[in-house]
């Protein structure tokens, strides 16, 4: 990591492009700073990020929207794993 970023306590998502996950309960989430969708079906979503892969599993998963910066998923979220 960068000592200047740490010393100034700057947000890592802005400085490094680190992924951000905003989870609302267990039924929706917003993922920011992802690079690409690797795999997607109603039970699993795997995303590529600058820091590795994120896997979200659940039931009736649906991508509500996505663009080059963020996406919103809905469904019954069960597990989030960093691969």
PDB file of N, CA and C in Angstrom:
ATOM      1  N   UNK A   1       0.825  -1.178   0.000  1.00  0.00           N
ATOM      2  CA  UNK A   1       0.000   0.000   0.000  1.00  0.00           C
ATOM      3  C   UNK A   1       0.876   1.252   0.000  1.00  0.00           C
ATOM      4  N   UNK A   2       0.251   2.355  -0.254  1.00  0.00           N
ATOM      5  CA  UNK A   2       0.946   3.625  -0.360  1.00  0.00           C
ATOM      6  C   UNK A   2       0.918   4.336   0.995  1.00  0.00           C
ATOM      7  N   UNK A   3       2.103   4.655   1.563  1.00  0.00           N
ATOM      8  CA  UNK A   3       2.125   5.309   2.877  1.00  0.00           C
ATOM      9  C   UNK A   3       1.441   6.670   2.897  1.00  0.00           C
ATOM     10  N   UNK A   4       1.466   7.400   1.782  1.00  0.00           N
ATOM     11  CA  UNK A   4       0.813   8.708   1.727  1.00  0.00           C
ATOM     12  C   UNK A   4      -0.700   8.550   1.838  1.00  0.00           C
ATOM     13  N   UNK A   5      -1.234   7.575   1.097  1.00  0.00           N
ATOM     14  CA  UNK A   5      -2.679   7.309   1.156  1.00  0.00           C
ATOM     15  C   UNK A   5      -3.070   6.912   2.572  1.00  0.00           C
ATOM     16  N   UNK A   6      -2.255   6.058   3.193  1.00  0.00           N
ATOM     17  CA  UNK A   6      -2.545   5.616   4.561  1.00  0.00           C
ATOM     18  C   UNK A   6      -2.435   6.779   5.555  1.00  0.00           C
ATOM     19  N   UNK A   7      -1.393   7.584   5.415  1.00  0.00           N
ATOM     20  CA  UNK A   7      -1.165   8.694   6.339  1.00  0.00           C
ATOM     21  C   UNK A   7      -2.285   9.738   6.249  1.00  0.00           C
ATOM     22  N   UNK A   8      -2.723  10.029   5.029  1.00  0.00           N
ATOM     23  CA  UNK A   8      -3.783  11.013   4.842  1.00  0.00           C
ATOM     24  C   UNK A   8      -5.177  10.422   5.017  1.00  0.00           C
ATOM     25  N   UNK A   9      -5.245   9.107   5.226  1.00  0.00           N
ATOM     26  CA  UNK A   9      -6.497   8.378   5.416  1.00  0.00           C
ATOM     27  C   UNK A   9      -7.470   8.613   4.257  1.00  0.00           C
ATOM     28  N   UNK A  10      -6.925   8.564   3.037  1.00  0.00           N
ATOM     29  CA  UNK A  10      -7.746   8.712   1.840  1.00  0.00           C
ATOM     30  C   UNK A  10      -8.495   7.415   1.570  1.00  0.00           C
ATOM     31  N   UNK A  11      -9.666   7.481   0.961  1.00  0.00           N
ATOM     32  CA  UNK A  11     -10.444   6.262   0.702  1.00  0.00           C
ATOM     33  C   UNK A  11      -9.745   5.359  -0.311  1.00  0.00           C
ATOM     34  N   UNK A  12      -9.575   4.105   0.041  1.00  0.00           N
ATOM     35  CA  UNK A  12      -8.880   3.139  -0.820  1.00  0.00           C
ATOM     36  C   UNK A  12      -9.627   2.860  -2.113  1.00  0.00           C
ATOM     37  N   UNK A  13     -10.951   2.935  -2.081  1.00  0.00           N
ATOM     38  CA  UNK A  13     -11.701   2.690  -3.312  1.00  0.00           C
ATOM     39  C   UNK A  13     -11.385   3.744  -4.356  1.00  0.00           C
ATOM     40  N   UNK A  14     -11.197   4.977  -3.932  1.00  0.00           N
ATOM     41  CA  UNK A  14     -10.885   6.058  -4.867  1.00  0.00           C
ATOM     42  C   UNK A  14      -9.429   5.983  -5.319  1.00  0.00           C
ATOM     43  N   UNK A  15      -8.516   5.775  -4.389  1.00  0.00           N
ATOM     44  CA  UNK A  15      -7.084   5.787  -4.700  1.00  0.00           C
ATOM     45  C   UNK A  15      -6.619   4.544  -5.442  1.00  0.00           C
ATOM     46  N   UNK A  16      -7.164   3.395  -5.108  1.00  0.00           N
ATOM     47  CA  UNK A  16      -6.693   2.137  -5.683  1.00  0.00           C
ATOM     48  C   UNK A  16      -7.709   1.460  -6.595  1.00  0.00           C
ATOM     49  N   UNK A  17      -8.918   1.973  -6.685  1.00  0.00           N
ATOM     50  CA  UNK A  17      -9.950   1.307  -7.470  1.00  0.00           C
ATOM     51  C   UNK A  17     -10.439   0.038  -6.814  1.00  0.00           C
ATOM     52  N   UNK A  18     -10.343  -0.030  -5.493  1.00  0.00           N
ATOM     53  CA  UNK A  18     -10.771  -1.215  -4.749  1.00  0.00           C
ATOM     54  C   UNK A  18     -12.287  -1.383  -4.861  1.00  0.00           C
ATOM     55  N   UNK A  19     -12.754  -2.622  -4.932  1.00  0.00           N
ATOM     56  CA  UNK A  19     -14.196  -2.846  -5.021  1.00  0.00           C
ATOM     57  C   UNK A  19     -14.908  -2.448  -3.728  1.00  0.00           C
ATOM     58  N   UNK A  20     -16.125  -1.950  -3.891  1.00  0.00           N
ATOM     59  CA  UNK A  20     -16.983  -1.590  -2.767  1.00  0.00           C
ATOM     60  C   UNK A  20     -18.270  -2.388  -2.868  1.00  0.00           C
ATOM     61  N   UNK A  21     -18.703  -2.975  -1.774  1.00  0.00           N
ATOM     62  CA  UNK A  21     -19.965  -3.701  -1.741  1.00  0.00           C
ATOM     63  C   UNK A  21     -20.873  -3.030  -0.723  1.00  0.00           C
ATOM     64  N   UNK A  22     -22.053  -2.656  -1.152  1.00  0.00           N
ATOM     65  CA  UNK A  22     -23.073  -2.076  -0.280  1.00  0.00           C
ATOM     66  C   UNK A  22     -24.223  -3.081  -0.243  1.00  0.00           C
ATOM     67  N   UNK A  23     -24.400  -3.741   0.874  1.00  0.00           N
ATOM     68  CA  UNK A  23     -25.429  -4.763   0.999  1.00  0.00           C
ATOM     69  C   UNK A  23     -26.561  -4.216   1.860  1.00  0.00           C
ATOM     70  N   UNK A  24     -27.783  -4.314   1.351  1.00  0.00           N
ATOM     71  CA  UNK A  24     -28.960  -3.886   2.086  1.00  0.00           C
ATOM     72  C   UNK A  24     -29.715  -5.138   2.513  1.00  0.00           C
ATOM     73  N   UNK A  25     -29.621  -5.446   3.795  1.00  0.00           N
ATOM     74  CA  UNK A  25     -30.247  -6.678   4.285  1.00  0.00           C
ATOM     75  C   UNK A  25     -29.684  -7.882   3.577  1.00  0.00           C
ATOM     76  N   UNK A  26     -30.545  -8.819   3.235  1.00  0.00           N
ATOM     77  CA  UNK A  26     -30.074  -9.987   2.487  1.00  0.00           C
ATOM     78  C   UNK A  26     -30.753 -10.101   1.126  1.00  0.00           C
ATOM     79  N   UNK A  27     -31.320  -8.977   0.665  1.00  0.00           N
ATOM     80  CA  UNK A  27     -32.076  -9.036  -0.586  1.00  0.00           C
ATOM     81  C   UNK A  27     -31.559  -8.150  -1.719  1.00  0.00           C
ATOM     82  N   UNK A  28     -30.573  -7.283  -1.453  1.00  0.00           N
ATOM     83  CA  UNK A  28     -30.027  -6.496  -2.555  1.00  0.00           C
ATOM     84  C   UNK A  28     -28.638  -5.992  -2.217  1.00  0.00           C
ATOM     85  N   UNK A  29     -27.871  -5.733  -3.262  1.00  0.00           N
ATOM     86  CA  UNK A  29     -26.523  -5.222  -3.079  1.00  0.00           C
ATOM     87  C   UNK A  29     -26.082  -4.407  -4.277  1.00  0.00           C
ATOM     88  N   UNK A  30     -25.187  -3.476  -4.036  1.00  0.00           N
ATOM     89  CA  UNK A  30     -24.569  -2.678  -5.094  1.00  0.00           C
ATOM     90  C   UNK A  30     -23.076  -2.932  -5.029  1.00  0.00           C
ATOM     91  N   UNK A  31     -22.482  -3.254  -6.159  1.00  0.00           N
ATOM     92  CA  UNK A  31     -21.054  -3.509  -6.253  1.00  0.00           C
ATOM     93  C   UNK A  31     -20.446  -2.433  -7.139  1.00  0.00           C
ATOM     94  N   UNK A  32     -19.444  -1.737  -6.615  1.00  0.00           N
ATOM     95  CA  UNK A  32     -18.758  -0.697  -7.374  1.00  0.00           C
ATOM     96  C   UNK A  32     -17.328  -1.148  -7.683  1.00  0.00           C
ATOM     97  N   UNK A  33     -16.772  -0.614  -8.751  1.00  0.00           N
ATOM     98  CA  UNK A  33     -15.383  -0.852  -9.154  1.00  0.00           C
ATOM     99  C   UNK A  33     -15.104  -2.306  -9.539  1.00  0.00           C
ATOM    100  N   UNK A  34     -16.015  -2.938 -10.221  1.00  0.00           N
ATOM    101  CA  UNK A  34     -15.740  -4.269 -10.749  1.00  0.00           C
ATOM    102  C   UNK A  34     -15.233  -4.106 -12.181  1.00  0.00           C
ATOM    103  N   UNK A  35     -14.528  -5.119 -12.681  1.00  0.00           N
ATOM    104  CA  UNK A  35     -13.984  -5.046 -14.042  1.00  0.00           C
ATOM    105  C   UNK A  35     -14.870  -5.753 -15.058  1.00  0.00           C
ATOM    106  N   UNK A  36     -15.328  -6.959 -14.708  1.00  0.00           N
ATOM    107  CA  UNK A  36     -16.138  -7.719 -15.654  1.00  0.00           C
ATOM    108  C   UNK A  36     -16.950  -8.784 -14.932  1.00  0.00           C
ATOM    109  N   UNK A  37     -17.978  -9.260 -15.624  1.00  0.00           N
ATOM    110  CA  UNK A  37     -18.789 -10.378 -15.134  1.00  0.00           C
ATOM    111  C   UNK A  37     -18.186 -11.646 -15.716  1.00  0.00           C
ATOM    112  N   UNK A  38     -17.786 -12.564 -14.854  1.00  0.00           N
ATOM    113  CA  UNK A  38     -17.195 -13.827 -15.306  1.00  0.00           C
ATOM    114  C   UNK A  38     -18.271 -14.879 -15.493  1.00  0.00           C
ATOM    115  N   UNK A  39     -19.179 -14.961 -14.531  1.00  0.00           N
ATOM    116  CA  UNK A  39     -20.234 -15.981 -14.570  1.00  0.00           C
ATOM    117  C   UNK A  39     -21.481 -15.416 -13.916  1.00  0.00           C
ATOM    118  N   UNK A  40     -22.633 -15.770 -14.477  1.00  0.00           N
ATOM    119  CA  UNK A  40     -23.885 -15.268 -13.907  1.00  0.00           C
ATOM    120  C   UNK A  40     -25.018 -16.222 -14.217  1.00  0.00           C
ATOM    121  N   UNK A  41     -25.738 -16.636 -13.180  1.00  0.00           N
ATOM    122  CA  UNK A  41     -27.008 -17.346 -13.326  1.00  0.00           C
ATOM    123  C   UNK A  41     -27.842 -17.022 -12.090  1.00  0.00           C
ATOM    124  N   UNK A  42     -28.984 -17.648 -11.951  1.00  0.00           N
ATOM    125  CA  UNK A  42     -29.891 -17.280 -10.853  1.00  0.00           C
ATOM    126  C   UNK A  42     -29.377 -17.666  -9.468  1.00  0.00           C
ATOM    127  N   UNK A  43     -28.313 -18.490  -9.398  1.00  0.00           N
ATOM    128  CA  UNK A  43     -27.775 -18.924  -8.105  1.00  0.00           C
ATOM    129  C   UNK A  43     -26.367 -18.423  -7.813  1.00  0.00           C
ATOM    130  N   UNK A  44     -25.710 -17.801  -8.786  1.00  0.00           N
ATOM    131  CA  UNK A  44     -24.314 -17.433  -8.600  1.00  0.00           C
ATOM    132  C   UNK A  44     -23.922 -16.263  -9.503  1.00  0.00           C
ATOM    133  N   UNK A  45     -23.062 -15.404  -8.963  1.00  0.00           N
ATOM    134  CA  UNK A  45     -22.509 -14.288  -9.721  1.00  0.00           C
ATOM    135  C   UNK A  45     -21.033 -14.200  -9.360  1.00  0.00           C
ATOM    136  N   UNK A  46     -20.162 -14.262 -10.366  1.00  0.00           N
ATOM    137  CA  UNK A  46     -18.726 -14.116 -10.141  1.00  0.00           C
ATOM    138  C   UNK A  46     -18.255 -12.909 -10.929  1.00  0.00           C
ATOM    139  N   UNK A  47     -17.593 -11.998 -10.208  1.00  0.00           N
ATOM    140  CA  UNK A  47     -17.096 -10.762 -10.809  1.00  0.00           C
ATOM    141  C   UNK A  47     -15.580 -10.708 -10.711  1.00  0.00           C
ATOM    142  N   UNK A  48     -14.962 -10.146 -11.724  1.00  0.00           N
ATOM    143  CA  UNK A  48     -13.529  -9.890 -11.692  1.00  0.00           C
ATOM    144  C   UNK A  48     -13.330  -8.456 -11.212  1.00  0.00           C
ATOM    145  N   UNK A  49     -12.410  -8.249 -10.271  1.00  0.00           N
ATOM    146  CA  UNK A  49     -12.081  -6.919  -9.776  1.00  0.00           C
ATOM    147  C   UNK A  49     -10.571  -6.733  -9.839  1.00  0.00           C
ATOM    148  N   UNK A  50     -10.124  -5.546  -9.575  1.00  0.00           N
ATOM    149  CA  UNK A  50      -8.694  -5.263  -9.555  1.00  0.00           C
ATOM    150  C   UNK A  50      -7.987  -6.084  -8.478  1.00  0.00           C
ATOM    151  N   UNK A  51      -8.693  -6.417  -7.404  1.00  0.00           N
ATOM    152  CA  UNK A  51      -8.114  -7.155  -6.284  1.00  0.00           C
ATOM    153  C   UNK A  51      -8.378  -8.654  -6.314  1.00  0.00           C
ATOM    154  N   UNK A  52      -9.005  -9.159  -7.354  1.00  0.00           N
ATOM    155  CA  UNK A  52      -9.325 -10.583  -7.439  1.00  0.00           C
ATOM    156  C   UNK A  52     -10.777 -10.775  -7.817  1.00  0.00           C
ATOM    157  N   UNK A  53     -11.306 -11.949  -7.500  1.00  0.00           N
ATOM    158  CA  UNK A  53     -12.681 -12.282  -7.869  1.00  0.00           C
ATOM    159  C   UNK A  53     -13.592 -12.240  -6.645  1.00  0.00           C
ATOM    160  N   UNK A  54     -14.836 -11.859  -6.893  1.00  0.00           N
ATOM    161  CA  UNK A  54     -15.876 -11.872  -5.859  1.00  0.00           C
ATOM    162  C   UNK A  54     -16.973 -12.809  -6.340  1.00  0.00           C
ATOM    163  N   UNK A  55     -17.368 -13.738  -5.465  1.00  0.00           N
ATOM    164  CA  UNK A  55     -18.464 -14.657  -5.794  1.00  0.00           C
ATOM    165  C   UNK A  55     -19.611 -14.417  -4.830  1.00  0.00           C
ATOM    166  N   UNK A  56     -20.782 -14.218  -5.398  1.00  0.00           N
ATOM    167  CA  UNK A  56     -22.004 -14.037  -4.609  1.00  0.00           C
ATOM    168  C   UNK A  56     -22.930 -15.191  -4.947  1.00  0.00           C
ATOM    169  N   UNK A  57     -23.388 -15.904  -3.933  1.00  0.00           N
ATOM    170  CA  UNK A  57     -24.323 -16.997  -4.163  1.00  0.00           C
ATOM    171  C   UNK A  57     -25.638 -16.682  -3.457  1.00  0.00           C
ATOM    172  N   UNK A  58     -26.701 -17.265  -3.983  1.00  0.00           N
ATOM    173  CA  UNK A  58     -28.021 -17.051  -3.409  1.00  0.00           C
ATOM    174  C   UNK A  58     -29.089 -17.699  -4.252  1.00  0.00           C
ATOM    175  N   UNK A  59     -30.297 -17.245  -4.091  1.00  0.00           N
ATOM    176  CA  UNK A  59     -31.441 -17.761  -4.839  1.00  0.00           C
ATOM    177  C   UNK A  59     -32.107 -16.614  -5.590  1.00  0.00           C
ATOM    178  N   UNK A  60     -32.564 -16.899  -6.791  1.00  0.00           N
ATOM    179  CA  UNK A  60     -33.274 -15.923  -7.625  1.00  0.00           C
ATOM    180  C   UNK A  60     -32.486 -14.632  -7.820  1.00  0.00           C
ATOM    181  N   UNK A  61     -31.165 -14.762  -8.017  1.00  0.00           N
ATOM    182  CA  UNK A  61     -30.340 -13.581  -8.221  1.00  0.00           C
ATOM    183  C   UNK A  61     -30.653 -12.960  -9.579  1.00  0.00           C
ATOM    184  N   UNK A  62     -30.735 -11.653  -9.583  1.00  0.00           N
ATOM    185  CA  UNK A  62     -31.034 -10.919 -10.807  1.00  0.00           C
ATOM    186  C   UNK A  62     -30.215  -9.635 -10.805  1.00  0.00           C
ATOM    187  N   UNK A  63     -29.562  -9.348 -11.929  1.00  0.00           N
ATOM    188  CA  UNK A  63     -28.866  -8.078 -12.060  1.00  0.00           C
ATOM    189  C   UNK A  63     -29.899  -7.034 -12.456  1.00  0.00           C
ATOM    190  N   UNK A  64     -30.169  -6.126 -11.551  1.00  0.00           N
ATOM    191  CA  UNK A  64     -31.165  -5.071 -11.783  1.00  0.00           C
ATOM    192  C   UNK A  64     -30.653  -4.071 -12.828  1.00  0.00           C
ATOM    193  N   UNK A  65     -29.385  -3.677 -12.687  1.00  0.00           N
ATOM    194  CA  UNK A  65     -28.735  -2.831 -13.698  1.00  0.00           C
ATOM    195  C   UNK A  65     -27.228  -3.002 -13.572  1.00  0.00           C
ATOM    196  N   UNK A  66     -26.509  -2.667 -14.610  1.00  0.00           N
ATOM    197  CA  UNK A  66     -25.055  -2.611 -14.537  1.00  0.00           C
ATOM    198  C   UNK A  66     -24.533  -1.636 -15.584  1.00  0.00           C
ATOM    199  N   UNK A  67     -23.398  -1.041 -15.286  1.00  0.00           N
ATOM    200  CA  UNK A  67     -22.686  -0.190 -16.228  1.00  0.00           C
ATOM    201  C   UNK A  67     -21.195  -0.394 -15.995  1.00  0.00           C
ATOM    202  N   UNK A  68     -20.361   0.471 -16.530  1.00  0.00           N
ATOM    203  CA  UNK A  68     -18.915   0.251 -16.415  1.00  0.00           C
ATOM    204  C   UNK A  68     -18.387   0.485 -15.008  1.00  0.00           C
ATOM    205  N   UNK A  69     -19.177   1.091 -14.124  1.00  0.00           N
ATOM    206  CA  UNK A  69     -18.715   1.405 -12.772  1.00  0.00           C
ATOM    207  C   UNK A  69     -19.356   0.583 -11.667  1.00  0.00           C
ATOM    208  N   UNK A  70     -20.635   0.287 -11.802  1.00  0.00           N
ATOM    209  CA  UNK A  70     -21.323  -0.407 -10.714  1.00  0.00           C
ATOM    210  C   UNK A  70     -22.483  -1.243 -11.226  1.00  0.00           C
ATOM    211  N   UNK A  71     -22.998  -2.074 -10.326  1.00  0.00           N
ATOM    212  CA  UNK A  71     -24.166  -2.890 -10.643  1.00  0.00           C
ATOM    213  C   UNK A  71     -24.989  -3.095  -9.386  1.00  0.00           C
ATOM    214  N   UNK A  72     -26.276  -3.354  -9.608  1.00  0.00           N
ATOM    215  CA  UNK A  72     -27.186  -3.652  -8.502  1.00  0.00           C
ATOM    216  C   UNK A  72     -27.754  -5.038  -8.725  1.00  0.00           C
ATOM    217  N   UNK A  73     -27.658  -5.866  -7.673  1.00  0.00           N
ATOM    218  CA  UNK A  73     -28.226  -7.204  -7.757  1.00  0.00           C
ATOM    219  C   UNK A  73     -29.329  -7.340  -6.717  1.00  0.00           C
ATOM    220  N   UNK A  74     -30.327  -8.149  -7.063  1.00  0.00           N
ATOM    221  CA  UNK A  74     -31.433  -8.439  -6.155  1.00  0.00           C
ATOM    222  C   UNK A  74     -31.617  -9.949  -6.094  1.00  0.00           C
ATOM    223  N   UNK A  75     -32.240 -10.386  -5.048  1.00  0.00           N
ATOM    224  CA  UNK A  75     -32.499 -11.798  -4.830  1.00  0.00           C
ATOM    225  C   UNK A  75     -32.238 -12.127  -3.372  1.00  0.00           C
ATOM    226  N   UNK A  76     -32.208 -13.391  -3.066  1.00  0.00           N
ATOM    227  CA  UNK A  76     -31.903 -13.835  -1.714  1.00  0.00           C
ATOM    228  C   UNK A  76     -30.402 -14.100  -1.630  1.00  0.00           C
ATOM    229  N   UNK A  77     -29.643 -13.133  -1.099  1.00  0.00           N
ATOM    230  CA  UNK A  77     -28.189 -13.255  -1.010  1.00  0.00           C
ATOM    231  C   UNK A  77     -27.823 -14.176   0.150  1.00  0.00           C
ATOM    232  N   UNK A  78     -27.020 -15.187  -0.132  1.00  0.00           N
ATOM    233  CA  UNK A  78     -26.659 -16.164   0.900  1.00  0.00           C
ATOM    234  C   UNK A  78     -25.210 -16.022   1.353  1.00  0.00           C
ATOM    235  N   UNK A  79     -24.288 -15.841   0.390  1.00  0.00           N
ATOM    236  CA  UNK A  79     -22.873 -15.851   0.739  1.00  0.00           C
ATOM    237  C   UNK A  79     -22.099 -14.954  -0.229  1.00  0.00           C
ATOM    238  N   UNK A  80     -21.103 -14.247   0.318  1.00  0.00           N
ATOM    239  CA  UNK A  80     -20.200 -13.435  -0.489  1.00  0.00           C
ATOM    240  C   UNK A  80     -18.785 -13.903  -0.161  1.00  0.00           C
ATOM    241  N   UNK A  81     -18.048 -14.286  -1.194  1.00  0.00           N
ATOM    242  CA  UNK A  81     -16.703 -14.819  -1.010  1.00  0.00           C
ATOM    243  C   UNK A  81     -15.700 -14.070  -1.881  1.00  0.00           C
ATOM    244  N   UNK A  82     -14.511 -13.868  -1.348  1.00  0.00           N
ATOM    245  CA  UNK A  82     -13.407 -13.335  -2.130  1.00  0.00           C
ATOM    246  C   UNK A  82     -12.567 -14.519  -2.573  1.00  0.00           C
ATOM    247  N   UNK A  83     -12.384 -14.655  -3.878  1.00  0.00           N
ATOM    248  CA  UNK A  83     -11.647 -15.803  -4.413  1.00  0.00           C
ATOM    249  C   UNK A  83     -10.224 -15.415  -4.764  1.00  0.00           C
TER     250      UNK A  83
END
